[in-house]
Every structure is written in structure tokens, then in C-alpha cells.
Protein backbone atom coordinates (compact mmCIF):
# COMPACT_ATOMS: atom_id res chain seq x y z
CA MET A 1 0.00 0.00 0.00
CA ALA A 2 1.10 3.57 -0.65
CA ILE A 3 2.04 6.09 2.01
CA GLN A 4 -0.98 8.30 2.60
CA ASN A 5 -0.73 11.81 1.17
CA ILE A 6 -4.22 13.02 2.13
CA LEU A 7 -4.84 14.74 5.46
CA PRO A 8 -6.42 12.04 7.68
CA ASP A 9 -10.15 12.47 8.27
CA PRO A 10 -13.11 10.11 8.75
CA ASN A 11 -13.03 9.21 5.02
CA ASN A 12 -9.23 8.97 4.70
CA LYS A 13 -7.93 6.56 7.30
CA ILE A 14 -4.27 5.89 7.99
CA LEU A 15 -2.33 2.95 9.43
CA ARG A 16 0.36 3.31 12.10
CA SER A 17 2.86 2.62 9.32
CA GLY A 18 1.64 5.76 7.53
CA GLU A 19 -0.01 3.76 4.75
CA GLU A 20 -3.51 4.50 3.48
CA SER A 21 -6.09 1.89 4.41
CA GLY A 22 -9.83 1.71 4.92
CA SER A 23 -9.09 -0.31 8.08
CA GLY A 24 -6.73 2.30 9.51
CA VAL A 25 -7.29 4.98 12.12
CA ALA A 26 -9.70 7.74 11.12
CA GLY A 27 -8.64 11.33 11.50
CA PRO A 28 -11.09 13.64 13.28
CA GLY A 29 -13.81 15.46 11.38
CA PHE A 30 -13.64 19.22 10.92
CA ALA A 31 -15.55 21.52 13.25
CA SER A 32 -15.43 24.29 10.64
CA VAL A 33 -13.81 25.08 7.29
CA ASN A 34 -13.11 28.52 5.85
CA LEU A 35 -12.30 28.72 2.13
CA THR A 36 -10.83 31.91 0.65
CA SER A 37 -10.26 32.65 -3.05
CA ASN A 38 -7.11 34.75 -3.34
CA GLN A 39 -6.51 36.46 -6.71
CA PRO A 40 -4.26 39.55 -6.42
CA ILE A 41 -5.40 42.33 -8.77
CA MET A 42 -3.64 45.59 -9.64
CA ARG A 43 -6.02 48.51 -10.23
CA ASP A 44 -5.39 52.00 -11.60
CA ARG A 45 -7.45 54.80 -13.14
CA THR A 46 -6.75 57.13 -16.04
CA ASN A 47 -7.20 60.89 -15.76
CA ALA A 48 -10.66 60.37 -17.23
CA GLY A 49 -11.54 57.87 -14.52
CA ARG A 50 -11.37 54.74 -16.68
CA LEU A 51 -10.47 51.68 -14.65
CA ILE A 52 -7.44 49.63 -15.72
CA SER A 53 -6.99 46.33 -13.91
CA ARG A 54 -5.00 43.14 -14.35
CA ARG A 55 -3.99 40.07 -12.45
CA THR A 56 -0.59 40.43 -10.81
CA ALA A 57 -0.03 36.90 -9.51
CA TYR A 58 -1.39 33.37 -9.62
CA HIS A 59 -4.64 32.37 -7.93
CA LYS A 60 -4.66 30.22 -4.81
CA TRP A 61 -7.21 28.87 -2.36
CA ALA A 62 -6.62 29.43 1.37
CA ILE A 63 -8.16 26.92 3.78
CA ASP A 64 -8.61 27.35 7.53
CA ILE A 65 -9.65 24.22 9.43
CA THR A 66 -10.67 24.03 13.08
CA TYR A 67 -11.34 20.89 15.09
CA ASN A 68 -13.55 20.22 18.07
CA PRO A 69 -11.67 19.48 21.32
CA MET A 70 -10.31 15.96 20.98
CA THR A 71 -8.48 13.20 22.82
CA LYS A 72 -4.85 12.35 22.20
CA ASP A 73 -5.87 9.30 20.14
CA GLU A 74 -8.00 11.55 17.91
CA LEU A 75 -5.28 14.18 17.55
CA ASN A 76 -2.39 11.83 16.76
CA PRO A 77 -3.30 10.82 13.17
CA VAL A 78 -3.47 14.47 12.05
CA PHE A 79 -0.64 15.89 14.14
CA ASN A 80 1.82 13.12 13.27
CA PHE A 81 0.90 13.38 9.58
CA LEU A 82 1.67 17.11 9.61
CA LEU A 83 4.93 16.71 11.54
CA GLU A 84 6.16 14.32 8.87
CA LYS A 85 5.44 17.00 6.22
CA GLN A 86 7.87 19.34 8.08
CA GLY A 87 5.73 22.45 8.06
CA SER A 88 5.57 24.06 4.62
CA LEU A 89 8.28 21.82 3.13
CA THR A 90 6.14 19.03 1.69
CA PRO A 91 2.76 19.44 -0.06
CA PHE A 92 -0.14 17.11 0.63
CA PHE A 93 -3.84 16.88 -0.28
CA VAL A 94 -6.95 17.75 1.68
CA SER A 95 -10.49 16.52 1.03
CA LEU A 96 -13.01 19.24 1.90
CA PRO A 97 -16.26 17.72 3.21
CA GLN A 98 -18.48 20.32 1.48
CA TYR A 99 -17.11 19.21 -1.93
CA ARG A 100 -17.14 15.46 -1.36
CA ASN A 101 -19.89 13.44 -3.11
CA GLN A 102 -21.37 16.52 -4.77
CA THR A 103 -24.60 16.54 -6.76
CA THR A 104 -22.60 16.89 -9.97
CA THR A 105 -21.10 13.62 -11.18
CA ASN A 106 -17.75 13.27 -12.93
CA LYS A 107 -17.76 14.75 -16.45
CA THR A 108 -15.73 14.28 -19.64
CA VAL A 109 -14.31 17.20 -21.61
CA ASN A 110 -15.22 17.57 -25.30
CA GLY A 111 -12.29 19.32 -26.99
CA ALA A 112 -8.90 20.43 -25.69
CA LYS A 113 -8.41 23.83 -24.06
CA SER A 114 -5.25 25.89 -23.49
CA ALA A 115 -4.09 27.27 -20.16
CA GLY A 116 -5.83 30.55 -19.34
CA ALA A 117 -9.30 29.47 -20.52
CA TYR A 118 -12.31 30.05 -18.27
CA THR A 119 -14.68 27.63 -20.04
CA LEU A 120 -14.80 23.95 -20.96
CA THR A 121 -17.23 22.10 -23.22
CA LEU A 122 -18.45 18.79 -21.80
CA ASP A 123 -19.65 15.70 -23.65
CA SER A 124 -23.09 16.18 -22.12
CA PHE A 125 -25.02 17.14 -19.01
CA THR A 126 -27.33 14.15 -19.33
CA ASP A 127 -25.70 12.14 -16.53
CA GLY A 128 -26.54 14.81 -13.94
CA THR A 129 -26.94 18.55 -13.80
CA VAL A 130 -23.80 20.63 -13.32
CA ILE A 131 -24.29 22.84 -10.28
CA PRO A 132 -22.57 26.25 -10.05
CA GLY A 133 -20.54 26.48 -6.85
CA GLU A 134 -19.25 22.91 -7.02
CA MET A 135 -15.53 22.11 -7.11
CA PHE A 136 -13.63 19.96 -9.58
CA THR A 137 -10.10 18.89 -10.45
CA VAL A 138 -8.80 17.63 -13.79
CA THR A 139 -7.61 14.11 -14.55
CA ASP A 140 -5.77 13.52 -17.82
CA ALA A 141 -2.25 12.61 -18.99
CA ASP A 142 -0.84 15.72 -17.29
CA SER A 143 -0.15 14.53 -13.74
CA LEU A 144 1.11 18.00 -12.80
CA HIS A 145 -2.34 19.55 -13.21
CA THR A 146 -3.50 19.58 -9.58
CA LYS A 147 -5.33 22.94 -9.52
CA ALA A 148 -8.84 23.04 -8.02
CA TYR A 149 -11.64 25.01 -9.73
CA LEU A 150 -15.17 26.16 -8.83
CA VAL A 151 -18.00 26.24 -11.39
CA THR A 152 -19.58 29.70 -11.71
CA ARG A 153 -21.99 29.06 -14.64
CA ALA A 154 -23.38 25.98 -16.39
CA ASP A 155 -25.22 26.22 -19.74
CA ALA A 156 -27.06 22.97 -20.44
CA SER A 157 -28.02 24.13 -23.96
CA THR A 158 -24.36 24.27 -25.06
CA ASN A 159 -22.78 21.88 -22.50
CA ILE A 160 -20.37 24.69 -21.57
CA ILE A 161 -19.28 25.39 -18.01
CA THR A 162 -17.57 28.55 -16.80
CA PHE A 163 -15.32 28.35 -13.75
CA THR A 164 -12.78 30.18 -11.66
CA PRO A 165 -9.84 30.56 -11.70
CA ALA A 166 -8.61 30.25 -15.30
CA LEU A 167 -7.01 26.95 -16.28
CA ALA A 168 -3.53 26.72 -14.78
CA ARG A 169 -2.49 24.19 -17.44
CA ALA A 170 -3.83 22.94 -20.77
CA VAL A 171 -6.62 20.35 -20.67
CA ALA A 172 -6.77 17.46 -23.15
CA ASP A 173 -9.81 16.21 -25.04
CA ASP A 174 -11.61 13.49 -23.03
CA ALA A 175 -10.06 14.69 -19.76
CA VAL A 176 -12.19 13.78 -16.73
CA LEU A 177 -13.45 16.46 -14.35
CA ASP A 178 -13.54 14.96 -10.86
CA PHE A 179 -16.56 16.27 -8.96
CA THR A 180 -16.89 13.19 -6.75
CA ASN A 181 -13.85 13.79 -4.54
CA PRO A 182 -11.75 16.74 -5.73
CA LEU A 183 -8.56 17.01 -3.67
CA VAL A 184 -6.84 20.34 -3.06
CA LYS A 185 -3.03 20.25 -3.04
CA VAL A 186 -1.79 22.36 -0.13
CA ILE A 187 1.03 23.21 2.22
CA ALA A 188 0.81 24.38 5.80
CA ILE A 189 1.12 28.15 6.26
CA GLY A 190 4.08 28.58 8.57
CA ASP A 191 6.49 26.01 9.89
CA GLN A 192 5.14 25.52 13.40
CA GLN A 193 2.51 23.00 14.43
CA LYS A 194 1.18 23.32 17.96
CA TYR A 195 -1.74 22.23 20.07
CA ALA A 196 -3.19 23.28 23.43
CA LEU A 197 -4.06 20.81 26.20
CA ASN A 198 -6.75 21.83 28.72
CA THR A 199 -7.55 20.64 32.24
CA GLU A 200 -10.04 18.11 30.88
CA ASN A 201 -7.18 16.41 29.00
CA LEU A 202 -8.62 17.49 25.64
CA TYR A 203 -6.54 18.93 22.83
CA THR A 204 -7.36 22.08 20.84
CA PHE A 205 -5.91 22.26 17.34
CA SER A 206 -6.42 24.18 14.09
CA LEU A 207 -4.80 24.40 10.66
CA LYS A 208 -4.04 27.11 8.12
CA LEU A 209 -3.34 25.82 4.60
CA GLU A 210 -2.75 27.34 1.18
CA GLU A 211 -3.03 25.76 -2.25
CA VAL A 212 0.10 25.00 -4.25
CA ASN A 213 0.49 23.89 -7.85
CA SER A 214 2.80 21.14 -9.05
């Protein structure tokens, strides 16, 4: 079995050896999740007041996770996993519960698209309606394409979806859009991991993560 590279949670269990396994120890569920879309924009105005704006850097998702107070046995799978990643040194994946098993099923792309595009044409919508606000990742021959996207519009008459941010890499014809369990590739923000232990012998812990691209 492979060494687990997904933050342990109730759906992504881990063995003591660090391997992924459905019979392993479940990580704790999230008490809350904050998702932030971060797209730096430079804005200026001409003497006539016309707005000039452009993107100045790449887009990234920021994720803040908090946990309910937990026992040491509940904390260990997550805390040990993060210690092995050595702070922000090693990326890993996180499965966000609000985007797991979405209404939209996996879709197939009809026609290749270059990096920078905001739309994709799908083979069809007949196997389930595409819902704006749902997250997807891309699976094709390009294993470096790990960016996560959110659908902003879905036109069933043309089978075209619009999403944000723009494609980070080109997408091949017949690529699969994973809506079932899109994983966000992240690193920890900062190089310290710490918890607090209270008088009831329960641990308080939270995480700040930011998306990275391969």
C-alpha cells in the first residue's frame, strides 16, 4: 500500500505505518472550514476615470480548518501526519467535506483547451446537472495539473461550463473532471505546528493551509 498523502479524516484513514487503508485509524472530522479565493489584482485609473486592472499573480485557495476538542488518540493521526510534512516543506492533499460526493457527477471534456481558458465544453449534461458552486479537479495525462476550480456558470443548452480561476495548465480532449472527490493540493502556512491541552485532558488544534500547484 502507498504512504498516505491526504490529510487524515473520517473518510481517509491511515495505518500506524503511515499507509492508506480503509481499516486504519480515522482522523477527526472538521468543526469548521473557511475557504478563501485569493486572486491579487492591480487597479489603476486614467485621468478620465477609466479603470485599468489586471492580475498580478497566480490564484490560490486558502483553507482554515478548526477541530472540536479531541483526545490524544484523535489528535495523533493528524498531528503526526503534519509533523512528517515538516511544516511548509512538503505538499499534501486535503479533502473538503463540502465538496465530497457533490450533486454533480464526474464529467468528460469535449475538446482540448489551453491554459488561461475560463470555459470547458463537456460531452453532455445528461448524466446529472452541473451545479454552479461545485468544485472539480482535472484528470488527464498531465499529472502536474492539480489545480482546483469552482464552477460559476453551467449552460445545459451548449454543454459549456464557466469556472474560476482560469485553467492553470492545458486540458486534453476526453479529460475527466472529478466532482466526486476533488482534492486540493496544499502546504501548511508557517512552519510551526502546535496544540493546546486543557484541564479536561482534551486537545485544541487548528490548521491554516494554502493551495500550491505542481
